[in-house]
Protein backbone atom coordinates (compact mmCIF):
# COMPACT_ATOMS: atom_id res chain seq x y z
CA MET A 1 -6.39 7.64 29.92
CA LYS A 2 -5.46 7.88 33.60
CA ARG A 3 -6.78 10.51 35.90
CA HIS A 4 -4.82 11.95 38.79
CA ASN A 5 -7.43 11.00 41.36
CA ASP A 6 -7.69 7.33 40.37
CA GLN A 7 -7.69 5.13 43.44
CA LYS A 8 -8.12 1.44 44.07
CA ILE A 9 -11.42 0.46 45.67
CA GLY A 10 -9.69 -0.82 48.83
CA GLU A 11 -7.86 2.47 49.30
CA ALA A 12 -11.07 4.41 48.71
CA LEU A 13 -12.90 2.35 51.35
CA LYS A 14 -10.09 2.87 53.88
CA ASP A 15 -10.15 6.62 53.22
CA MET A 16 -13.92 6.69 53.66
CA LEU A 17 -13.74 4.72 56.95
CA ASN A 18 -11.09 7.10 58.26
CA LYS A 19 -12.94 10.22 57.14
CA TYR A 20 -16.22 9.20 58.78
CA ARG A 21 -14.47 7.63 61.82
CA LEU A 22 -16.04 4.21 61.27
CA ASN A 23 -12.88 2.13 61.82
CA SER A 24 -13.55 1.66 65.53
CA LYS A 25 -17.11 0.43 65.03
CA LEU A 26 -16.06 -1.83 62.19
CA ASN A 27 -13.26 -3.36 64.26
CA GLN A 28 -15.59 -3.85 67.23
CA THR A 29 -18.01 -5.74 64.99
CA ARG A 30 -15.15 -7.80 63.55
CA VAL A 31 -13.87 -8.70 67.03
CA LYS A 32 -17.35 -9.79 68.14
CA SER A 33 -17.86 -11.90 65.04
CA HIS A 34 -14.44 -13.62 65.36
CA TRP A 35 -14.49 -14.04 69.16
CA GLU A 36 -15.77 -17.64 69.15
CA LYS A 37 -13.29 -18.68 66.46
CA LEU A 38 -10.37 -17.09 68.30
CA MET A 39 -11.24 -18.09 71.88
CA GLY A 40 -13.21 -21.29 71.34
CA PRO A 41 -16.81 -22.24 72.10
CA SER A 42 -16.33 -22.79 75.84
CA ILE A 43 -15.00 -19.27 76.49
CA SER A 44 -17.50 -17.78 74.07
CA ARG A 45 -20.35 -19.41 75.99
CA TYR A 46 -19.38 -17.52 79.18
CA THR A 47 -18.74 -14.21 77.43
CA LYS A 48 -21.46 -11.72 78.30
CA ASP A 49 -20.29 -8.62 76.41
CA ILE A 50 -17.41 -7.30 74.30
CA VAL A 51 -16.83 -3.54 73.98
CA ILE A 52 -13.94 -1.51 72.55
CA ARG A 53 -13.33 1.99 73.90
CA ARG A 54 -10.23 4.07 73.20
CA LYS A 55 -8.37 1.05 71.82
CA LYS A 56 -9.07 -0.98 74.99
CA LEU A 57 -10.98 -4.25 74.73
CA PHE A 58 -13.39 -4.79 77.62
CA VAL A 59 -14.58 -8.39 77.97
CA THR A 60 -17.35 -9.15 80.47
CA LEU A 61 -17.47 -12.78 81.60
CA GLU A 62 -19.99 -14.72 83.70
CA SER A 63 -17.51 -17.14 85.28
CA SER A 64 -15.11 -16.03 88.04
CA PRO A 65 -12.59 -18.85 87.48
CA LEU A 66 -12.55 -18.05 83.76
CA LYS A 67 -11.98 -14.35 84.55
CA GLN A 68 -8.94 -15.31 86.61
CA GLU A 69 -7.58 -17.59 83.89
CA LEU A 70 -8.06 -15.07 81.08
CA SER A 71 -6.54 -12.28 83.19
CA LEU A 72 -3.27 -14.18 83.03
CA GLY A 73 -3.42 -14.36 79.21
CA LYS A 74 -4.45 -10.81 78.34
CA GLU A 75 -1.36 -10.17 76.22
CA LYS A 76 -1.96 -13.35 74.20
CA ILE A 77 -5.60 -12.34 73.63
CA ARG A 78 -4.47 -8.89 72.45
CA LYS A 79 -2.00 -10.40 70.00
CA LEU A 80 -4.57 -12.90 68.63
CA ILE A 81 -7.13 -10.19 68.01
CA ASN A 82 -4.64 -7.79 66.42
CA GLU A 83 -3.42 -10.57 64.12
CA GLU A 84 -7.02 -11.29 63.10
CA LEU A 85 -7.67 -7.60 62.41
CA GLY A 86 -4.42 -7.24 60.51
CA GLU A 87 -3.37 -4.13 62.42
CA ASP A 88 -2.21 -3.08 65.88
CA PHE A 89 -5.62 -1.81 66.98
CA ILE A 90 -6.11 -3.17 70.52
CA LYS A 91 -3.63 -1.70 73.00
CA GLU A 92 -4.98 -3.29 76.20
CA VAL A 93 -7.39 -6.04 77.27
CA VAL A 94 -9.53 -5.58 80.40
CA ILE A 95 -11.35 -8.61 81.82
CA LEU A 96 -14.51 -7.78 83.79
């Protein structure tokens, strides 16, 4: 016997995340946990902080030459992270 409000568990979790506005925090945690895998250990070593605000990714680095190099590849970083998240979440990358 099927009910009208039957929902798959994945759909129910997505609805709950949207209702309680937890998507942003969850994605920020996912980006932090996947940062080393996506960018490699050398870049991860110089990364001081990663914050997401209003769909912008702010990356604070300790190395000036690395800041310059990553500033040139901001679009590639955005695409890598969005592919990992499985959605178009990050709109802009800011290197600090």
